Amino acid sequence: MLGMFMAAVEATIVATAMPSIVSDLGGFSLFSWVFSSYLLMQVVMIPIYGKLSDMYGRKVIFTIGITIFLFGSFLCGLSASIEFLILSRFIQGIGAGAVQPIATTIVGDIYTKEERAKIQGYLASVWGISSVLGPVLGGLFVAFVHWKWVFWVNIPFGILAMLGVIIYLQEDVEKEKKKIDYLGSGLLLISVSALMVILIQGGVYWSWSSPQIISLGFIVIMAVSLFIWQEKRAEDPVMSLSLWQHRLIALANVASLTLGAMLIGVSSFLPTYVQIVLDQPAIIAGFTLTMVSVGWPISSTLAGRWIISLGSRKTAMFGGISLLIGATIFLTLSIVQHPVWAGAGSFFLGAGMGFSTTTFIVSIQSSVSWRLRGVATASNMFMRLLGSALGVAMLGGILNSRMKQYLENMDHEEGLHIEPSLDVVNMLLDPIGREQFTDMERIVIQEGVTQSLNSVYIGVFILAVISFILIYSLPKTEPEQDKERE
């Protein structure tokens, strides 16, 4: 539970601290890479660690994963530039990929089937607690200590978790011969990385028709084609393509991709909006994001009850409607500029996530045989993480290109001496740097950030509409029986 708390809190605690990090290190244009690098490596490493733990035992792989994660966390706190921070986040992500799946597997190993339901409830509560504490802790560290502690706070938790597993976990390792699909994992890493570079840099540093973007586009097409070819022939693939022939699984997985993109879009950029545009402290920004964690467990609990009486599709529709309401609220933040309104949007987004994700998991697990249940569940979680990695890249790209375009247009205005560079946002976030601007210039830059983040929320709204359409398209017929015994 300590290990899972450490990995879970990292997803929310950093977002609240990002404005302070950018004011200290600069590099506003690389903002989204701080999230993307962590998520990307987590996505790629989760299936590899799962198989390594079957081969060499949970204890050794869990310990290696936490050690890498803590080393990355230590380096993050030492960062003197945004580039070094991004590299450190890559290392963190490599380690984080071991924590969640192996912690869940250890629970499966040491508890009986009857005890597991209760213990899984404890594990699920870790995610709820970390989602609430993460933004608040981030705000407190920024306000009273230093943003470096956002990363260094992991170290005591990680050491305790590691010592607990080393001392108390007794396991008889029956080494299984498993073939790890390293080629598939490598092709996935190449294709997603290249696509993320296109989404973040396209239209900002490279024009969409530049040789760099065209070359990267070719790499994406080639890597995806080779990935599909590899997954069809691999004995134990990273992603089982046969599952995608099932309509419910295919729709739920694509919807999970868009849900992951929506969630990370709000989690990554809402604290910055609240701090720059609404001019609120980091603690208030943290609380607006915390409302996601209030809506999620409430709707998740309701979904668990309503699935039986209403059916999966109707229950998921509550999620689709909540997502649209939340996205509409974010779309109107430029009109109703208040942190309470931002918190309301977060609440409905959380409610939508709870209704949708719970229904997807239950529906998927009920529609396949026991032998495929683990793989089918993992594929859905994998798609949500992949959506987060791609979503933060795409929405970060929108933010950068809109801000650059705005500053270039403002460059011709009389009385303004603002460099048409994204670095001016770094200066605005820095209490000393912002003194270099006149009141008029500060208002102009603030307006640019407002317009740019509003464009991000248009992207979030479009993702909500796509998610709603996918949920509406779920099969209307309910499974007549649970296929566990088949």
Protein backbone atom coordinates (compact mmCIF):
# COMPACT_ATOMS: atom_id res chain seq x y z
CA MET A 1 0.00 0.00 0.00
CA LEU A 2 2.90 2.37 0.75
CA GLY A 3 4.46 1.60 -2.63
CA MET A 4 1.16 2.16 -4.45
CA PHE A 5 0.57 5.40 -2.55
CA MET A 6 4.00 6.64 -3.63
CA ALA A 7 3.37 5.91 -7.34
CA ALA A 8 -0.26 7.14 -7.24
CA VAL A 9 0.43 10.45 -5.48
CA GLU A 10 3.14 11.27 -8.05
CA ALA A 11 0.46 11.62 -10.74
CA THR A 12 -1.32 14.52 -8.96
CA ILE A 13 1.24 16.16 -6.67
CA VAL A 14 3.44 17.39 -9.55
CA ALA A 15 0.62 19.24 -11.40
CA THR A 16 0.07 21.70 -8.54
CA ALA A 17 3.80 22.42 -8.30
CA MET A 18 4.36 22.89 -12.07
CA PRO A 19 3.89 26.70 -12.18
CA SER A 20 6.58 27.05 -9.44
CA ILE A 21 8.86 24.57 -11.23
CA VAL A 22 8.53 26.48 -14.53
CA SER A 23 9.15 29.83 -12.79
CA ASP A 24 12.36 28.37 -11.31
CA LEU A 25 13.69 26.27 -14.22
CA GLY A 26 12.04 27.93 -17.23
CA GLY A 27 11.01 25.86 -20.23
CA PHE A 28 7.24 26.54 -20.42
CA SER A 29 7.26 25.09 -23.95
CA LEU A 30 8.43 21.74 -22.49
CA PHE A 31 5.73 21.81 -19.76
CA SER A 32 3.84 18.74 -21.00
CA TRP A 33 7.00 16.60 -21.34
CA VAL A 34 7.30 16.55 -17.53
CA PHE A 35 4.08 14.48 -17.49
CA SER A 36 4.50 12.68 -20.83
CA SER A 37 7.95 11.25 -20.08
CA TYR A 38 6.75 9.69 -16.80
CA LEU A 39 3.56 8.24 -18.30
CA LEU A 40 5.25 6.97 -21.47
CA MET A 41 7.81 4.84 -19.62
CA GLN A 42 5.14 3.58 -17.21
CA VAL A 43 2.98 2.41 -20.15
CA VAL A 44 5.86 0.57 -21.82
CA MET A 45 7.31 -1.00 -18.65
CA ILE A 46 4.12 -2.34 -16.95
CA PRO A 47 3.75 -5.48 -19.15
CA ILE A 48 7.51 -6.19 -19.01
CA TYR A 49 7.67 -6.02 -15.19
CA GLY A 50 4.61 -8.27 -14.90
CA LYS A 51 6.33 -11.02 -16.84
CA LEU A 52 9.71 -10.52 -15.12
CA SER A 53 8.00 -10.97 -11.73
CA ASP A 54 6.66 -14.35 -12.92
CA MET A 55 10.16 -15.38 -13.95
CA TYR A 56 12.26 -14.11 -11.03
CA GLY A 57 9.78 -13.55 -8.18
CA ARG A 58 7.85 -10.50 -6.95
CA LYS A 59 10.29 -9.44 -4.23
CA VAL A 60 13.37 -8.85 -6.39
CA ILE A 61 11.50 -7.10 -9.25
CA PHE A 62 9.43 -4.93 -6.86
CA THR A 63 12.66 -3.90 -5.07
CA ILE A 64 14.41 -3.08 -8.37
CA GLY A 65 11.40 -1.03 -9.55
CA ILE A 66 11.19 1.04 -6.35
CA THR A 67 14.99 1.58 -6.34
CA ILE A 68 14.86 2.98 -9.90
CA PHE A 69 11.82 5.11 -8.98
CA LEU A 70 13.55 6.58 -5.91
CA PHE A 71 16.74 7.27 -7.86
CA GLY A 72 14.63 9.14 -10.44
CA SER A 73 12.80 11.04 -7.65
CA PHE A 74 16.13 12.08 -6.09
CA LEU A 75 17.39 13.34 -9.48
CA CYS A 76 14.12 15.25 -10.08
CA GLY A 77 14.71 17.23 -6.88
CA LEU A 78 18.27 18.06 -7.98
CA SER A 79 17.16 19.36 -11.40
CA ALA A 80 18.65 22.68 -12.40
CA SER A 81 16.98 22.72 -15.84
CA ILE A 82 13.68 21.56 -17.29
CA GLU A 83 15.55 19.18 -19.63
CA PHE A 84 17.25 17.42 -16.70
CA LEU A 85 13.88 17.19 -14.91
CA ILE A 86 12.32 15.51 -17.98
CA LEU A 87 15.21 13.01 -18.15
CA SER A 88 14.76 12.28 -14.42
CA ARG A 89 11.02 11.76 -14.97
CA PHE A 90 11.85 9.15 -17.64
CA ILE A 91 13.88 7.29 -15.00
CA GLN A 92 11.04 7.68 -12.47
CA GLY A 93 8.56 6.23 -14.97
CA ILE A 94 10.78 3.20 -15.65
CA GLY A 95 10.62 2.37 -11.93
CA ALA A 96 6.93 3.27 -11.47
CA GLY A 97 5.93 0.64 -14.02
CA ALA A 98 6.85 -2.06 -11.46
CA VAL A 99 4.98 -0.72 -8.44
CA GLN A 100 1.26 -0.93 -9.26
CA PRO A 101 1.07 -4.29 -11.11
CA ILE A 102 3.46 -6.13 -8.76
CA ALA A 103 1.79 -4.75 -5.59
CA THR A 104 -1.55 -6.04 -6.91
CA THR A 105 0.03 -9.39 -7.83
CA ILE A 106 1.59 -9.77 -4.34
CA VAL A 107 -1.90 -9.32 -2.84
CA GLY A 108 -3.14 -12.10 -5.12
CA ASP A 109 -0.26 -14.32 -3.96
CA ILE A 110 -0.57 -13.91 -0.19
CA TYR A 111 -4.36 -13.77 0.33
CA THR A 112 -7.07 -16.33 -0.31
CA LYS A 113 -9.85 -15.64 -2.81
CA GLU A 114 -12.26 -14.82 0.05
CA GLU A 115 -9.84 -12.31 1.63
CA ARG A 116 -8.88 -10.61 -1.63
CA ALA A 117 -12.07 -8.58 -2.07
CA LYS A 118 -11.53 -6.85 1.29
CA ILE A 119 -7.81 -6.23 0.63
CA GLN A 120 -8.48 -4.94 -2.90
CA GLY A 121 -10.79 -2.42 -1.23
CA TYR A 122 -7.83 -1.20 0.84
CA LEU A 123 -5.70 -0.91 -2.31
CA ALA A 124 -8.46 1.01 -4.12
CA SER A 125 -8.69 3.41 -1.16
CA VAL A 126 -4.98 4.21 -1.62
CA TRP A 127 -5.78 5.73 -5.03
CA GLY A 128 -8.64 7.78 -3.58
CA ILE A 129 -6.53 9.07 -0.67
CA SER A 130 -3.54 9.86 -2.92
CA SER A 131 -5.79 11.74 -5.38
CA VAL A 132 -7.09 13.92 -2.55
CA LEU A 133 -3.75 14.41 -0.77
CA GLY A 134 -1.62 14.85 -3.90
CA PRO A 135 -2.82 18.32 -5.03
CA VAL A 136 -3.04 19.56 -1.41
CA LEU A 137 0.48 18.33 -0.53
CA GLY A 138 1.79 19.88 -3.76
CA GLY A 139 0.27 23.22 -2.79
CA LEU A 140 1.63 23.03 0.78
CA PHE A 141 5.17 22.14 -0.35
CA VAL A 142 5.18 25.04 -2.84
CA ALA A 143 3.78 27.48 -0.27
CA PHE A 144 5.89 26.56 2.75
CA VAL A 145 8.97 24.55 1.67
CA HIS A 146 10.17 24.12 -1.95
CA TRP A 147 8.92 22.31 -5.05
CA LYS A 148 11.88 19.86 -4.79
CA TRP A 149 10.08 18.17 -1.87
CA VAL A 150 7.29 17.17 -4.24
CA PHE A 151 9.78 14.55 -5.49
CA TRP A 152 11.85 13.94 -2.35
CA VAL A 153 8.76 13.09 -0.25
CA ASN A 154 8.72 9.76 -2.16
CA ILE A 155 12.02 8.61 -0.64
CA PRO A 156 10.90 7.71 2.94
CA PHE A 157 7.71 6.02 1.61
CA GLY A 158 9.72 4.05 -0.94
CA ILE A 159 12.35 2.89 1.54
CA LEU A 160 9.68 1.74 4.03
CA ALA A 161 7.75 -0.12 1.30
CA MET A 162 10.92 -1.79 0.04
CA LEU A 163 12.09 -2.85 3.53
CA GLY A 164 8.64 -4.22 4.37
CA VAL A 165 8.56 -6.41 1.26
CA ILE A 166 12.20 -7.57 1.69
CA ILE A 167 11.73 -8.51 5.37
CA TYR A 168 8.19 -9.88 5.44
CA LEU A 169 7.41 -11.32 1.99
CA GLN A 170 8.32 -15.00 1.98
CA GLU A 171 7.98 -16.53 -1.45
CA ASP A 172 8.86 -19.81 -3.07
CA VAL A 173 9.90 -18.74 -6.54
CA GLU A 174 8.87 -21.22 -9.20
CA LYS A 175 10.67 -19.74 -12.15
CA GLU A 176 8.36 -19.74 -15.14
CA LYS A 177 9.72 -19.73 -18.65
CA LYS A 178 8.00 -16.75 -20.22
CA LYS A 179 8.88 -15.03 -23.44
CA ILE A 180 8.91 -11.28 -23.04
CA ASP A 181 7.93 -9.34 -26.13
CA TYR A 182 10.86 -6.91 -26.03
CA LEU A 183 10.52 -6.14 -29.75
CA GLY A 184 6.84 -5.26 -29.34
CA SER A 185 7.63 -3.06 -26.32
CA GLY A 186 10.43 -1.32 -28.23
CA LEU A 187 8.21 -0.65 -31.26
CA LEU A 188 5.48 0.70 -28.93
CA LEU A 189 8.02 3.03 -27.29
CA ILE A 190 9.27 4.30 -30.69
CA SER A 191 5.79 4.85 -32.16
CA VAL A 192 4.31 6.62 -29.09
CA SER A 193 7.47 8.74 -28.52
CA ALA A 194 7.56 9.89 -32.15
CA LEU A 195 3.83 10.72 -32.08
CA MET A 196 4.28 12.68 -28.83
CA VAL A 197 7.12 14.74 -30.35
CA ILE A 198 4.88 15.54 -33.35
CA LEU A 199 1.99 16.62 -31.10
CA ILE A 200 4.13 18.79 -28.80
CA GLN A 201 6.58 20.36 -31.30
CA GLY A 202 4.38 20.55 -34.42
CA GLY A 203 3.37 24.12 -35.23
CA VAL A 204 5.59 25.49 -32.44
CA TYR A 205 9.24 24.86 -33.33
CA TRP A 206 8.66 22.94 -36.57
CA SER A 207 5.99 23.73 -39.16
CA TRP A 208 3.57 20.90 -39.94
CA SER A 209 5.12 20.53 -43.42
CA SER A 210 8.75 20.55 -42.16
CA PRO A 211 11.11 17.62 -42.93
CA GLN A 212 11.28 16.81 -39.20
CA ILE A 213 7.49 16.37 -38.83
CA ILE A 214 7.20 14.40 -42.10
CA SER A 215 10.08 12.11 -41.04
CA LEU A 216 8.56 11.53 -37.61
CA GLY A 217 5.17 10.83 -39.22
CA PHE A 218 6.82 8.18 -41.41
CA ILE A 219 8.48 6.65 -38.30
CA VAL A 220 5.09 6.50 -36.52
CA ILE A 221 3.41 4.73 -39.49
CA MET A 222 6.29 2.26 -39.86
CA ALA A 223 6.57 1.55 -36.10
CA VAL A 224 2.79 1.03 -35.72
CA SER A 225 2.70 -1.29 -38.75
CA LEU A 226 5.65 -3.32 -37.40
CA PHE A 227 4.05 -3.36 -33.92
CA ILE A 228 0.81 -4.87 -35.29
CA TRP A 229 2.84 -7.43 -37.30
CA GLN A 230 4.89 -8.33 -34.21
CA GLU A 231 1.83 -8.66 -31.93
CA LYS A 232 0.20 -11.09 -34.39
CA ARG A 233 3.22 -13.38 -34.37
CA ALA A 234 4.46 -13.04 -30.74
CA GLU A 235 3.82 -15.97 -28.37
CA ASP A 236 3.07 -13.65 -25.47
CA PRO A 237 2.31 -10.21 -26.99
CA VAL A 238 2.29 -6.84 -25.19
CA MET A 239 -1.27 -6.33 -26.45
CA SER A 240 -3.47 -9.25 -27.47
CA LEU A 241 -5.05 -8.10 -30.76
CA SER A 242 -7.62 -10.93 -30.76
CA LEU A 243 -9.48 -9.18 -27.90
CA TRP A 244 -10.16 -6.23 -30.19
CA GLN A 245 -12.49 -8.37 -32.29
CA HIS A 246 -14.97 -8.24 -29.38
CA ARG A 247 -17.15 -5.14 -29.99
CA LEU A 248 -17.68 -4.26 -26.32
CA ILE A 249 -13.97 -4.53 -25.50
CA ALA A 250 -12.93 -2.53 -28.57
CA LEU A 251 -15.39 0.32 -27.77
CA ALA A 252 -14.54 0.33 -24.04
CA ASN A 253 -10.80 0.41 -24.79
CA VAL A 254 -11.03 3.29 -27.29
CA ALA A 255 -13.27 5.17 -24.82
CA SER A 256 -10.66 4.53 -22.08
CA LEU A 257 -8.04 6.10 -24.38
CA THR A 258 -10.10 9.32 -24.70
CA LEU A 259 -10.96 9.27 -20.96
CA GLY A 260 -7.26 9.02 -20.08
CA ALA A 261 -6.51 11.98 -22.38
CA MET A 262 -9.31 14.05 -20.80
CA LEU A 263 -8.26 13.29 -17.24
CA ILE A 264 -4.58 14.16 -17.78
CA GLY A 265 -5.56 17.30 -19.73
CA VAL A 266 -7.44 18.63 -16.73
CA SER A 267 -4.98 17.30 -14.09
CA SER A 268 -1.94 18.80 -15.86
CA PHE A 269 -3.25 22.22 -16.86
CA LEU A 270 -6.02 23.17 -14.39
CA PRO A 271 -3.61 24.17 -11.54
CA THR A 272 -1.73 26.43 -13.98
CA TYR A 273 -5.04 28.02 -15.08
CA VAL A 274 -6.11 28.66 -11.48
CA GLN A 275 -2.72 30.12 -10.50
CA ILE A 276 -2.03 32.29 -13.57
CA VAL A 277 -5.47 33.22 -14.93
CA LEU A 278 -7.50 33.25 -11.69
CA ASP A 279 -4.47 34.51 -9.72
CA GLN A 280 -5.02 32.06 -6.85
CA PRO A 281 -2.35 30.41 -4.63
CA ALA A 282 -1.13 26.84 -5.22
CA ILE A 283 -3.24 25.47 -2.32
CA ILE A 284 -6.50 26.71 -3.93
CA ALA A 285 -5.35 25.25 -7.26
CA GLY A 286 -4.81 21.94 -5.47
CA PHE A 287 -8.32 21.95 -4.01
CA THR A 288 -9.97 22.59 -7.42
CA LEU A 289 -8.22 19.48 -8.75
CA THR A 290 -9.08 17.48 -5.61
CA MET A 291 -12.77 17.66 -6.58
CA VAL A 292 -12.06 14.99 -9.23
CA SER A 293 -11.36 12.65 -6.31
CA VAL A 294 -14.64 13.55 -4.63
CA GLY A 295 -16.80 12.78 -7.68
CA TRP A 296 -14.93 9.60 -8.69
CA PRO A 297 -15.50 7.34 -5.61
CA ILE A 298 -19.13 8.47 -5.21
CA SER A 299 -20.02 7.59 -8.82
CA SER A 300 -17.90 4.45 -8.76
CA THR A 301 -19.86 3.17 -5.73
CA LEU A 302 -23.19 4.04 -7.40
CA ALA A 303 -22.07 2.36 -10.64
CA GLY A 304 -21.33 -0.87 -8.77
CA ARG A 305 -24.96 -0.94 -7.55
CA TRP A 306 -26.70 0.35 -10.69
CA ILE A 307 -25.01 -2.04 -13.13
CA ILE A 308 -27.13 -4.89 -11.69
CA SER A 309 -30.46 -3.03 -11.84
CA LEU A 310 -29.98 -0.76 -14.87
CA GLY A 311 -27.41 -2.66 -16.92
CA SER A 312 -23.94 -1.65 -18.10
CA ARG A 313 -24.85 0.64 -20.98
CA LYS A 314 -27.35 2.79 -19.04
CA THR A 315 -24.94 3.09 -16.11
CA ALA A 316 -22.10 4.11 -18.45
CA MET A 317 -24.40 6.73 -20.01
CA PHE A 318 -24.51 8.55 -16.65
CA GLY A 319 -20.73 8.75 -17.02
CA GLY A 320 -20.95 10.08 -20.56
CA ILE A 321 -23.41 12.81 -19.52
CA SER A 322 -21.27 13.78 -16.48
CA LEU A 323 -18.20 14.06 -18.72
CA LEU A 324 -20.09 16.40 -21.09
CA ILE A 325 -21.28 18.57 -18.16
CA GLY A 326 -17.72 18.77 -16.73
CA ALA A 327 -16.19 19.60 -20.13
CA THR A 328 -18.85 22.30 -20.73
CA ILE A 329 -17.99 23.90 -17.36
CA PHE A 330 -14.28 24.00 -18.33
CA LEU A 331 -15.29 25.49 -21.68
CA THR A 332 -17.06 28.36 -19.86
CA LEU A 333 -14.22 29.08 -17.40
CA SER A 334 -13.32 32.16 -19.47
CA ILE A 335 -16.82 33.56 -18.68
CA VAL A 336 -17.21 32.36 -15.06
CA GLN A 337 -13.66 32.94 -13.81
CA HIS A 338 -13.92 31.47 -10.32
CA PRO A 339 -12.12 28.56 -8.59
CA VAL A 340 -15.48 27.16 -7.35
CA TRP A 341 -16.62 26.86 -10.99
CA ALA A 342 -13.33 25.11 -11.84
CA GLY A 343 -13.91 22.77 -8.88
CA ALA A 344 -17.43 21.98 -10.15
CA GLY A 345 -15.98 21.01 -13.54
CA SER A 346 -13.49 18.73 -11.78
CA PHE A 347 -16.29 17.11 -9.75
CA PHE A 348 -18.35 16.22 -12.85
CA LEU A 349 -15.24 14.97 -14.65
CA GLY A 350 -14.49 12.71 -11.66
CA ALA A 351 -18.11 11.50 -11.60
CA GLY A 352 -17.91 10.69 -15.31
CA MET A 353 -14.67 8.77 -14.81
CA GLY A 354 -16.17 6.76 -11.92
CA PHE A 355 -19.33 5.74 -13.78
CA SER A 356 -17.45 4.94 -17.02
CA THR A 357 -14.32 3.14 -15.82
CA THR A 358 -16.16 0.96 -13.27
CA THR A 359 -18.74 -0.06 -15.87
CA PHE A 360 -16.06 -0.79 -18.48
CA ILE A 361 -14.09 -3.08 -16.16
CA VAL A 362 -17.18 -4.99 -14.95
CA SER A 363 -18.56 -5.34 -18.50
CA ILE A 364 -15.25 -6.53 -19.93
CA GLN A 365 -14.69 -9.04 -17.15
CA SER A 366 -18.24 -10.39 -17.60
CA SER A 367 -17.92 -10.79 -21.36
CA VAL A 368 -14.82 -13.01 -21.52
CA SER A 369 -13.87 -16.38 -20.06
CA TRP A 370 -11.83 -16.68 -16.84
CA ARG A 371 -8.64 -17.44 -18.82
CA LEU A 372 -8.83 -14.12 -20.70
CA ARG A 373 -10.06 -11.98 -17.81
CA GLY A 374 -6.62 -10.79 -16.64
CA VAL A 375 -5.44 -9.92 -20.15
CA ALA A 376 -8.71 -8.16 -21.01
CA THR A 377 -8.64 -6.06 -17.81
CA ALA A 378 -4.96 -5.16 -18.34
CA SER A 379 -5.67 -4.08 -21.94
CA ASN A 380 -8.29 -1.59 -20.72
CA MET A 381 -5.97 -0.08 -18.07
CA PHE A 382 -3.15 -0.01 -20.64
CA MET A 383 -5.32 2.03 -23.06
CA ARG A 384 -6.21 4.55 -20.34
CA LEU A 385 -2.52 5.08 -19.50
CA LEU A 386 -1.67 5.36 -23.20
CA GLY A 387 -4.44 7.95 -23.56
CA SER A 388 -2.91 9.95 -20.70
CA ALA A 389 0.53 9.91 -22.35
CA LEU A 390 -0.81 10.97 -25.76
CA GLY A 391 -3.40 13.36 -24.32
CA VAL A 392 -0.93 15.48 -22.37
CA ALA A 393 1.27 15.67 -25.49
CA MET A 394 -1.59 16.69 -27.78
CA LEU A 395 -3.13 19.24 -25.40
CA GLY A 396 0.35 20.56 -24.49
CA GLY A 397 1.00 21.05 -28.21
CA ILE A 398 -2.25 23.03 -28.53
CA LEU A 399 -1.23 25.21 -25.55
CA ASN A 400 2.24 25.95 -26.99
CA SER A 401 1.11 26.70 -30.56
CA ARG A 402 -1.77 28.99 -29.45
CA MET A 403 0.50 30.90 -27.04
CA LYS A 404 3.21 31.32 -29.69
CA GLN A 405 0.65 32.55 -32.23
CA TYR A 406 -0.81 35.02 -29.73
CA LEU A 407 2.60 36.47 -28.78
CA GLU A 408 3.59 36.87 -32.43
CA ASN A 409 0.36 38.82 -33.09
CA MET A 410 0.96 41.02 -30.01
CA ASP A 411 4.52 41.80 -31.15
CA HIS A 412 3.16 44.49 -33.50
CA GLU A 413 1.12 46.32 -30.84
CA GLU A 414 2.31 49.77 -29.81
CA GLY A 415 3.62 50.29 -26.27
CA LEU A 416 4.31 46.58 -25.75
CA HIS A 417 7.84 45.24 -25.46
CA ILE A 418 7.15 41.52 -25.13
CA GLU A 419 9.45 39.01 -26.80
CA PRO A 420 7.41 36.63 -29.00
CA SER A 421 8.78 33.69 -27.02
CA LEU A 422 7.16 31.21 -24.64
CA ASP A 423 9.85 32.17 -22.10
CA VAL A 424 7.78 35.24 -21.13
CA VAL A 425 5.40 32.84 -19.34
CA ASN A 426 8.35 31.60 -17.24
CA MET A 427 9.01 35.21 -16.23
CA LEU A 428 5.34 35.85 -15.42
CA LEU A 429 5.36 32.86 -13.04
CA ASP A 430 8.51 34.13 -11.31
CA PRO A 431 7.71 36.81 -8.65
CA ILE A 432 10.94 38.69 -9.49
CA GLY A 433 10.72 38.17 -13.25
CA ARG A 434 7.17 39.51 -13.47
CA GLU A 435 8.36 42.88 -12.08
CA GLN A 436 10.15 43.45 -15.43
CA PHE A 437 6.77 43.83 -17.15
CA THR A 438 4.47 46.82 -17.00
CA ASP A 439 0.90 46.27 -15.72
CA MET A 440 -0.32 46.43 -19.32
CA GLU A 441 2.20 43.79 -20.46
CA ARG A 442 1.30 41.49 -17.56
CA ILE A 443 -2.39 41.70 -18.48
CA VAL A 444 -1.58 40.98 -22.14
CA ILE A 445 0.50 37.87 -21.28
CA GLN A 446 -2.17 36.71 -18.83
CA GLU A 447 -4.78 37.07 -21.57
CA GLY A 448 -2.57 34.96 -23.87
CA VAL A 449 -2.37 32.19 -21.28
CA THR A 450 -6.16 32.42 -20.82
CA GLN A 451 -6.85 32.07 -24.55
CA SER A 452 -4.31 29.25 -24.91
CA LEU A 453 -5.73 27.26 -21.99
CA ASN A 454 -9.26 27.85 -23.31
CA SER A 455 -8.11 26.14 -26.53
CA VAL A 456 -6.93 23.21 -24.38
CA TYR A 457 -10.44 23.00 -22.85
CA ILE A 458 -11.98 23.00 -26.33
CA GLY A 459 -9.81 19.91 -26.92
CA VAL A 460 -11.09 18.41 -23.63
CA PHE A 461 -14.69 19.08 -24.75
CA ILE A 462 -14.12 17.35 -28.10
CA LEU A 463 -12.67 14.33 -26.24
CA ALA A 464 -15.79 14.32 -24.01
CA VAL A 465 -18.07 14.27 -27.07
CA ILE A 466 -16.08 11.38 -28.60
CA SER A 467 -16.25 9.49 -25.26
CA PHE A 468 -20.04 10.03 -25.10
CA ILE A 469 -20.52 8.70 -28.66
CA LEU A 470 -18.41 5.60 -27.86
CA ILE A 471 -20.36 4.95 -24.63
CA TYR A 472 -23.67 5.40 -26.50
CA SER A 473 -22.43 2.84 -29.06
CA LEU A 474 -21.85 0.12 -26.43
CA PRO A 475 -23.89 -3.06 -27.10
CA LYS A 476 -27.43 -2.79 -25.73
CA THR A 477 -27.74 -6.49 -24.93
CA GLU A 478 -26.44 -7.45 -21.49
CA PRO A 479 -24.45 -10.69 -21.02
CA GLU A 480 -26.88 -13.37 -19.87
CA GLN A 481 -24.34 -14.96 -17.57
CA ASP A 482 -20.94 -14.41 -16.07
CA LYS A 483 -18.47 -16.47 -18.09
CA GLU A 484 -16.14 -17.20 -15.18
CA ARG A 485 -16.88 -20.92 -15.25
CA GLU A 486 -16.76 -21.34 -19.03
